[in-house]
Each structure stands twice: as structure tokens, then as C-alpha cells.
Protein backbone atom coordinates (compact mmCIF):
# COMPACT_ATOMS: atom_id res chain seq x y z
CA MET A 1 1.34 39.80 -48.71
CA PRO A 2 3.04 43.01 -47.20
CA LYS A 3 6.42 42.44 -45.62
CA HIS A 4 5.18 43.29 -41.94
CA ALA A 5 2.68 40.54 -42.36
CA LEU A 6 5.23 38.11 -43.44
CA THR A 7 7.44 39.02 -40.36
CA ALA A 8 4.47 38.61 -37.98
CA LEU A 9 3.57 34.91 -39.55
CA ALA A 10 7.28 34.00 -39.47
CA LEU A 11 7.29 35.01 -35.53
CA CYS A 12 4.19 33.11 -34.83
CA LEU A 13 5.65 30.00 -36.61
CA GLY A 14 8.61 30.46 -34.65
CA LEU A 15 6.99 30.50 -31.29
CA ALA A 16 4.71 27.72 -32.28
CA VAL A 17 7.68 25.31 -32.65
CA PRO A 18 8.66 24.99 -29.12
CA SER A 19 4.80 24.32 -27.88
CA VAL A 20 4.82 21.55 -30.50
CA ALA A 21 8.06 19.78 -29.34
CA LEU A 22 6.95 20.32 -25.85
CA ALA A 23 3.75 18.38 -26.54
CA GLU A 24 5.30 15.42 -28.74
CA TRP A 25 8.38 14.60 -26.82
CA LYS A 26 8.38 11.17 -24.76
CA PRO A 27 10.70 8.31 -23.94
CA ASN A 28 11.46 6.10 -26.69
CA ARG A 29 13.75 3.92 -24.74
CA PRO A 30 14.13 2.63 -21.09
CA VAL A 31 13.88 5.05 -18.19
CA GLU A 32 16.00 4.38 -15.05
CA PHE A 33 14.54 5.35 -11.88
CA VAL A 34 17.38 5.90 -9.12
CA ALA A 35 16.52 5.45 -5.51
CA ALA A 36 18.34 7.31 -2.99
CA ALA A 37 18.18 4.39 -0.40
CA GLY A 38 18.57 0.76 0.01
CA PRO A 39 15.80 -1.77 -0.90
CA GLY A 40 12.86 -2.09 1.11
CA GLY A 41 13.09 1.49 2.46
CA GLY A 42 10.59 4.35 2.02
CA THR A 43 12.27 5.85 -0.89
CA ASP A 44 12.68 2.43 -2.78
CA THR A 45 9.12 1.41 -2.16
CA PHE A 46 8.09 5.12 -3.60
CA ALA A 47 10.02 4.40 -6.68
CA ARG A 48 8.54 1.07 -7.07
CA VAL A 49 5.02 2.25 -6.62
CA VAL A 50 5.37 4.73 -9.17
CA GLN A 51 6.87 2.44 -11.62
CA SER A 52 3.84 0.14 -11.01
CA ALA A 53 1.31 2.84 -11.47
CA LEU A 54 2.96 3.90 -14.76
CA SER A 55 3.12 0.57 -16.11
CA LYS A 56 -0.07 -0.96 -15.10
CA ASN A 57 -2.00 1.95 -16.39
CA GLU A 58 0.19 2.26 -19.56
CA LEU A 59 0.85 6.00 -18.81
CA LEU A 60 4.48 4.95 -19.81
CA THR A 61 5.00 2.25 -22.28
CA THR A 62 8.84 2.10 -22.30
CA PRO A 63 10.55 -0.28 -19.77
CA ILE A 64 11.29 1.21 -16.23
CA ILE A 65 14.25 0.15 -14.53
CA VAL A 66 14.62 0.82 -10.74
CA SER A 67 18.16 0.87 -8.94
CA ASN A 68 19.34 1.84 -5.89
CA LYS A 69 22.33 4.05 -4.75
CA ALA A 70 22.06 4.27 -1.00
CA GLY A 71 25.94 5.30 -0.33
CA GLY A 72 26.62 8.41 1.54
CA SER A 73 23.16 8.48 3.12
CA GLY A 74 21.95 8.71 -0.30
CA ALA A 75 24.07 11.36 -1.57
CA GLU A 76 25.65 8.64 -4.11
CA THR A 77 22.53 9.23 -6.15
CA PHE A 78 22.63 13.02 -6.53
CA ILE A 79 26.28 12.64 -7.39
CA TYR A 80 25.23 10.26 -10.02
CA ALA A 81 22.76 12.74 -11.15
CA LYS A 82 25.42 15.38 -11.54
CA SER A 83 27.34 13.08 -13.98
CA ASN A 84 24.22 12.46 -16.19
CA LYS A 85 23.44 16.07 -16.86
CA GLY A 86 20.65 16.97 -19.46
CA ASP A 87 19.80 13.08 -19.66
CA PRO A 88 16.18 12.80 -19.76
CA TYR A 89 16.06 8.98 -19.28
CA LYS A 90 17.29 8.90 -15.52
CA LEU A 91 15.11 10.08 -12.71
CA TYR A 92 16.15 10.31 -9.21
CA PHE A 93 13.96 9.60 -6.04
CA GLY A 94 14.33 10.94 -2.77
CA THR A 95 13.03 12.88 -0.02
CA GLN A 96 14.48 16.38 1.26
CA ASP A 97 17.99 14.54 1.24
CA ALA A 98 18.67 16.23 -2.18
CA TYR A 99 18.92 19.40 -0.54
CA VAL A 100 19.69 18.75 3.13
CA LEU A 101 22.55 16.41 2.51
CA PRO A 102 24.63 19.18 1.20
CA LEU A 103 24.03 21.34 4.28
CA ALA A 104 26.08 19.24 6.68
CA ASN A 105 28.49 17.39 4.38
CA LYS A 106 30.92 18.66 1.76
CA LEU A 107 29.64 16.83 -1.21
CA SER A 108 30.56 17.35 -5.01
CA TYR A 109 26.94 18.03 -5.91
CA GLY A 110 24.62 20.94 -5.02
CA LEU A 111 20.90 21.99 -6.04
CA LYS A 112 22.32 23.64 -9.10
CA ASP A 113 23.11 19.96 -10.44
CA LEU A 114 19.60 19.03 -10.30
CA THR A 115 16.27 19.63 -11.79
CA PRO A 116 13.21 19.62 -9.36
CA VAL A 117 10.30 17.52 -11.05
CA ALA A 118 7.76 16.92 -8.28
CA ALA A 119 6.93 16.06 -4.77
CA MET A 120 4.31 13.23 -5.16
CA VAL A 121 3.04 12.71 -1.49
CA PHE A 122 4.16 13.56 2.30
CA ASP A 123 4.76 11.22 4.74
CA PRO A 124 4.14 11.86 8.46
CA PHE A 125 6.74 10.67 11.06
CA MET A 126 5.73 8.71 14.19
CA LEU A 127 7.70 7.61 17.56
CA TRP A 128 7.79 3.89 17.70
CA VAL A 129 8.62 1.33 20.25
CA ASN A 130 8.67 -2.41 21.01
CA PRO A 131 6.53 -2.53 24.19
CA LYS A 132 7.42 -6.21 24.64
CA THR A 133 11.29 -5.42 24.92
CA SER A 134 11.52 -1.83 26.14
CA GLY A 135 8.53 -1.86 28.68
CA ILE A 136 7.45 1.26 27.24
CA GLU A 137 3.63 1.90 26.38
CA ASP A 138 3.33 5.63 25.85
CA VAL A 139 4.97 8.92 25.32
CA LYS A 140 5.17 9.43 29.41
CA GLY A 141 6.72 6.17 29.87
CA PHE A 142 9.33 6.93 27.03
CA ILE A 143 10.11 10.25 28.48
CA ALA A 144 10.49 8.95 31.96
CA LYS A 145 12.54 6.01 30.88
CA ALA A 146 15.04 8.28 28.99
CA LYS A 147 15.50 10.74 31.93
CA GLU A 148 15.96 7.66 34.13
CA ASN A 149 18.84 6.62 31.63
CA PRO A 150 20.35 9.68 29.97
CA GLY A 151 22.31 8.92 26.84
CA GLN A 152 21.36 5.20 27.06
CA LEU A 153 18.24 4.92 25.15
CA LYS A 154 19.15 4.07 21.39
CA LEU A 155 16.90 5.62 18.73
CA GLY A 156 17.48 4.53 15.28
CA GLY A 157 16.66 6.01 11.88
CA ALA A 158 17.39 6.34 8.44
CA LYS A 159 21.02 7.92 7.47
CA ALA A 160 22.79 10.43 9.59
CA LYS A 161 22.31 14.16 10.01
CA GLU A 162 19.09 13.88 7.96
CA ALA A 163 15.32 13.84 8.69
CA ASP A 164 15.46 11.14 11.29
CA GLU A 165 18.24 12.28 13.33
CA THR A 166 17.08 16.05 12.90
CA LEU A 167 13.81 14.99 14.45
CA MET A 168 15.50 13.23 17.32
CA THR A 169 17.11 16.46 18.13
CA LEU A 170 13.83 18.25 18.25
CA VAL A 171 12.42 15.34 20.62
CA GLU A 172 15.28 15.69 22.63
CA ASN A 173 15.29 19.41 23.13
CA ALA A 174 11.13 19.49 23.41
CA ALA A 175 11.37 16.71 26.10
CA GLY A 176 14.42 17.79 28.01
CA ILE A 177 15.74 14.11 27.38
CA ASP A 178 19.08 12.92 26.00
CA LEU A 179 19.21 9.94 23.32
CA THR A 180 21.60 7.96 21.34
CA TYR A 181 21.29 8.09 17.59
CA ILE A 182 21.92 4.84 15.43
CA PRO A 183 21.73 5.41 11.83
CA TYR A 184 20.91 2.58 9.40
CA LYS A 185 20.42 2.56 5.53
CA SER A 186 16.76 2.74 5.52
CA GLY A 187 13.85 3.14 7.94
CA SER A 188 12.78 -0.31 7.32
CA GLU A 189 16.12 -1.69 8.64
CA ALA A 190 15.71 0.63 11.73
CA ALA A 191 12.11 -0.89 12.40
CA ILE A 192 13.71 -4.48 12.18
CA GLN A 193 16.17 -3.48 15.03
CA VAL A 194 13.24 -1.92 17.01
CA ALA A 195 11.20 -5.08 16.53
CA GLY A 196 14.20 -7.40 17.72
CA GLY A 197 14.69 -5.41 20.70
CA HIS A 198 18.33 -4.35 19.75
CA ILE A 199 17.29 -0.79 20.10
CA THR A 200 14.79 1.04 21.97
CA ALA A 201 12.90 3.31 19.77
CA ASN A 202 12.86 4.78 16.12
CA VAL A 203 11.07 7.68 14.44
CA ASN A 204 9.77 6.38 11.11
CA ASN A 205 7.05 6.67 8.52
CA PRO A 206 3.93 4.63 9.13
CA SER A 207 4.59 2.57 5.85
CA GLU A 208 8.13 1.24 7.15
CA SER A 209 6.93 0.28 10.53
CA VAL A 210 2.97 -0.80 9.93
CA GLU A 211 3.89 -4.65 9.22
CA GLN A 212 5.86 -4.67 12.63
CA TRP A 213 2.86 -3.25 14.20
CA LYS A 214 0.52 -5.83 13.00
CA ALA A 215 2.89 -8.52 14.23
CA GLY A 216 2.88 -6.91 17.66
CA VAL A 217 6.88 -6.15 17.87
CA GLN A 218 6.11 -2.17 17.32
CA LYS A 219 3.72 0.41 18.81
CA PRO A 220 3.34 4.03 17.69
CA LEU A 221 3.36 6.12 20.54
CA CYS A 222 2.53 9.60 18.73
CA VAL A 223 2.35 11.26 15.36
CA PHE A 224 4.62 14.60 14.70
CA GLU A 225 1.55 16.35 13.12
CA ASN A 226 -0.41 19.19 14.40
CA GLU A 227 -3.63 17.26 14.01
CA ARG A 228 -4.49 13.53 14.38
CA LEU A 229 -4.25 11.51 10.92
CA ALA A 230 -7.34 11.14 9.24
CA ASP A 231 -7.72 7.25 8.56
CA THR A 232 -9.97 5.53 10.95
CA THR A 233 -9.46 1.89 9.41
CA VAL A 234 -8.44 -0.05 12.20
CA ILE A 235 -4.88 -1.33 11.87
CA ALA A 236 -3.65 -3.30 14.94
CA ASP A 237 -4.39 -3.75 18.51
CA GLY A 238 -8.03 -2.09 17.85
CA MET A 239 -6.59 0.91 16.77
CA SER A 240 -6.42 3.29 13.38
CA TRP A 241 -4.15 5.89 12.52
CA HIS A 242 -6.59 8.34 13.72
CA ASP A 243 -6.43 6.93 17.12
CA ILE A 244 -2.75 7.70 17.53
CA PRO A 245 -2.22 10.83 19.58
CA THR A 246 -0.28 13.79 18.25
CA CYS A 247 3.05 14.07 19.93
CA LYS A 248 1.90 17.69 21.40
CA GLU A 249 -1.11 15.99 22.90
CA ALA A 250 1.21 13.25 24.28
CA GLY A 251 3.77 15.55 25.99
CA ILE A 252 6.28 16.12 23.03
CA ALA A 253 6.10 19.65 21.81
CA VAL A 254 7.05 19.05 18.13
CA ASP A 255 5.35 20.49 15.27
CA SER A 256 4.31 18.95 11.93
CA PHE A 257 7.46 17.26 10.48
CA ALA A 258 6.17 15.62 7.28
CA GLN A 259 8.66 14.41 4.83
CA PRO A 260 8.21 14.77 0.92
CA ARG A 261 8.63 12.06 -1.62
CA THR A 262 10.63 13.57 -4.37
CA ILE A 263 11.54 13.16 -7.96
CA TRP A 264 14.52 14.80 -9.59
CA ALA A 265 16.41 15.11 -12.86
CA ALA A 266 19.86 15.90 -13.70
CA ALA A 267 20.54 19.80 -14.43
CA ASP A 268 19.77 21.10 -17.86
CA LEU A 269 16.88 18.48 -18.44
CA PRO A 270 15.30 19.73 -21.75
CA PRO A 271 12.13 21.85 -21.31
CA GLU A 272 10.20 19.30 -23.11
CA ALA A 273 11.08 16.59 -21.14
CA LEU A 274 10.30 18.42 -17.88
CA ALA A 275 6.92 19.12 -19.10
CA TYR A 276 6.39 15.57 -20.12
CA TYR A 277 7.45 13.95 -16.90
CA THR A 278 5.42 16.81 -14.70
CA ASN A 279 2.36 15.82 -16.55
CA LEU A 280 3.24 12.01 -16.49
CA PHE A 281 3.64 12.02 -12.55
CA THR A 282 0.35 14.16 -12.10
CA LYS A 283 -1.60 11.34 -13.99
CA ALA A 284 0.48 8.74 -11.77
CA ALA A 285 -0.44 10.43 -8.35
CA ALA A 286 -4.25 9.67 -9.52
CA ALA A 287 -3.75 6.24 -10.28
CA PRO A 288 -5.25 3.59 -8.25
CA GLU A 289 -1.96 1.99 -7.27
CA PHE A 290 -0.72 5.29 -6.12
CA LYS A 291 -3.92 5.84 -4.13
CA ALA A 292 -3.75 2.63 -2.58
CA TYR A 293 0.20 3.30 -1.47
CA GLN A 294 -1.24 6.53 0.04
CA GLU A 295 -3.78 4.79 2.28
CA ARG A 296 -1.60 2.01 3.27
CA GLY A 297 1.04 4.32 4.55
CA ALA A 298 -1.20 6.98 6.23
CA GLN A 299 0.24 9.64 3.86
CA ILE A 300 -0.52 13.18 3.46
CA PRO A 301 -1.80 13.79 -0.16
CA ARG A 302 -0.05 16.73 -1.76
CA LEU A 303 1.31 17.02 -5.41
CA LEU A 304 3.93 19.69 -5.93
CA THR A 305 5.21 20.44 -9.23
CA GLY A 306 6.57 23.62 -10.99
CA ASP A 307 6.97 26.99 -8.90
CA ALA A 308 5.02 25.42 -6.12
CA PHE A 309 7.61 22.79 -5.74
CA LYS A 310 10.64 25.30 -6.18
CA ASP A 311 8.99 27.45 -3.27
CA PHE A 312 8.45 24.71 -1.08
CA ILE A 313 12.17 23.49 -1.50
CA LYS A 314 13.38 27.10 -0.62
CA LYS A 315 11.06 27.33 2.46
CA HIS A 316 11.97 23.75 3.63
CA GLU A 317 15.65 23.95 3.21
CA ALA A 318 15.73 27.31 5.14
CA SER A 319 13.98 25.36 8.26
CA TYR A 320 16.68 22.92 8.09
CA VAL A 321 19.42 25.47 7.97
CA GLU A 322 18.00 26.84 11.21
CA ILE A 323 17.80 23.54 12.97
CA TYR A 324 21.50 22.57 11.67
CA LYS A 325 22.57 25.91 13.09
CA ARG A 326 21.17 25.05 16.40
CA ASN A 327 22.62 21.48 16.44
CA GLY A 328 26.32 22.57 15.33
CA TRP A 329 26.02 20.51 12.03
CA LEU A 330 25.78 23.24 9.43
CA ARG A 331 29.08 23.34 7.33
CA ALA A 332 31.18 26.70 7.42
CA GLU A 333 30.67 27.50 3.89
CA GLN A 334 26.75 27.81 4.42
């Protein structure tokens, strides 16, 4: 065989090796899912639903362990990721918190310490009250009560200077009101506080307050989306998710504020592991368990991986930077 032909053959074989490795890699021992929130919260539920979808459909046959690291408003999870550089057996579940937390807080990790894997679904936000304890039945009544009692209405949410509190500041600016924010470890904890009448309201994803709505101790006033949600299944009070007005319709001019449910790995994740997990979570998003989870929580189906996910992160982070500047939250180094 001519020398140039041998060289070409060697190059072809050399190029073929990585693609074979990419196709063949898969976990051969337990995988840990680390949720950046406390038990029962939206991120914890997300991780456990993905665990169920993978296990029940035998998409991942090695054991999956779900753990929680909620400290520092979830920053503990991503600091833990930094200490496990290159480890393909640990995945980190969160929201936009991975890239938003460092904007306002001096932390020992940054986006460079993480590998984006996927955003599997988006959660809309709603404004919720307990009509029995607050006397509030609609957005008009909420705004009126807030104006009558400036700074006295307590609104709860998950974590400080993150999505929930950020959304509250947008509500304040749009409605011309002054509220007091109370941070909790998870949205489900904030929902319990509203249900018990300890705080007036919360901004929450549907899945974290739907049971309280069914029990009659919470009521959704509006949804922070540009259009009403599509689901017409009756949930409570004879109403479906579609029956809830957008906040713009109801009198609070805030645009869509959906929250991504995201999955990350540590920096320097082997390319073959990233390819494996990208394919794995794409399959999980189509599993019956995950589809049912989307329907229960009135979530917005939108799967992002690869460059599409990276582009979204860049744009979403930039939008938070602008809001944080207005709020005076942005760290000086940013």
C-alpha cells in the first residue's frame, strides 16, 4: 500500500476512536443527583421525577442517589461541584441559580466550574394568596391592600436575591407598591406559610402550591406569562390553569418570567460522558413519568441541550444582570 494511503488510513482510524468512545461510555456504578434545594421543593421534586423516569424505564440501570445541599440558597451544591472536577458520576440539579447566585454574592465558584448539561422544562410563576386569611380575592384587591399598608404585606419565596425575590421587585415596580420579602429554603415551605396565614402571599411555581389550592388555603391570582396557560383540566374552585389570567391582564405589567429546571456537571466532564447524559436526559424528557410531571405542574415543555442551552444561559444571565443593577444587588466585580 502506498505510504500516503497508509497515512490516510491511520488518520481515519485515529479520528474514529473518539466517536467509538463517545458511543460506548456509560456509568458502571451509582450516580448521585444533588438537588440545590431542600426536600420537597421544586428542584428536589425535579431531581426525583427524573430519577423515577430513568429507573422505571430502565434508561439508567445503575443506582441513582438523590441528595440535597440547600445551604447558601443552593450555592452549596455548586461549590460541591467545583470540588468534584471531571467526575461523571455526580450531576447537579437546579434552576437559573447556578449562574445567578454569583451575581449578588461573593462565592467560591463560577460558571467556569460547571458544565451545562440540559434544561429539561420551564416552570411559570404565579402570584398566590390565602383568601381566607388575607381577604384578597384578585390582583386588584392585592394591589389595593399593598397600597393601604406600604411595606406591611409579607411575600415569601425560595431563597434570597434569586428568582422569587427578583420577581417580587418587578411586581413592586410595575404596580407601584412596597412589599416585604421573606426568604425560605424552598417554594413549598413558602406555600405552607401562606396556607397557614403567616404571610400574605408568595410567588411560586404551580407544582409547589397546587395541593394548597385544592385544599382551599391558597388561590392563584395571576400567571407571569404573556399568554394564559394551555391546560383546561379543572384543578380547584371549578377553575383550570387556563382560567387564571395573565398578570398583565389583571393589572401587573410583568412579562414572562419562566424558570428553567436545569442539570449540570462539574467542569472538565469527559466529552463522552456529556454526550451520554445529553442523550439520556433527552430520552427522560419523553418518558411517561416526566410527561405527567409536566402536566401536574402546568409546566412549559422546552428541552435545551448543547449550544442552544449555552446560548440561553448567556441571554438569561444578562437579563438578571440588568435587573440586579436596578435593584442595587450586583456585586462590584461584575
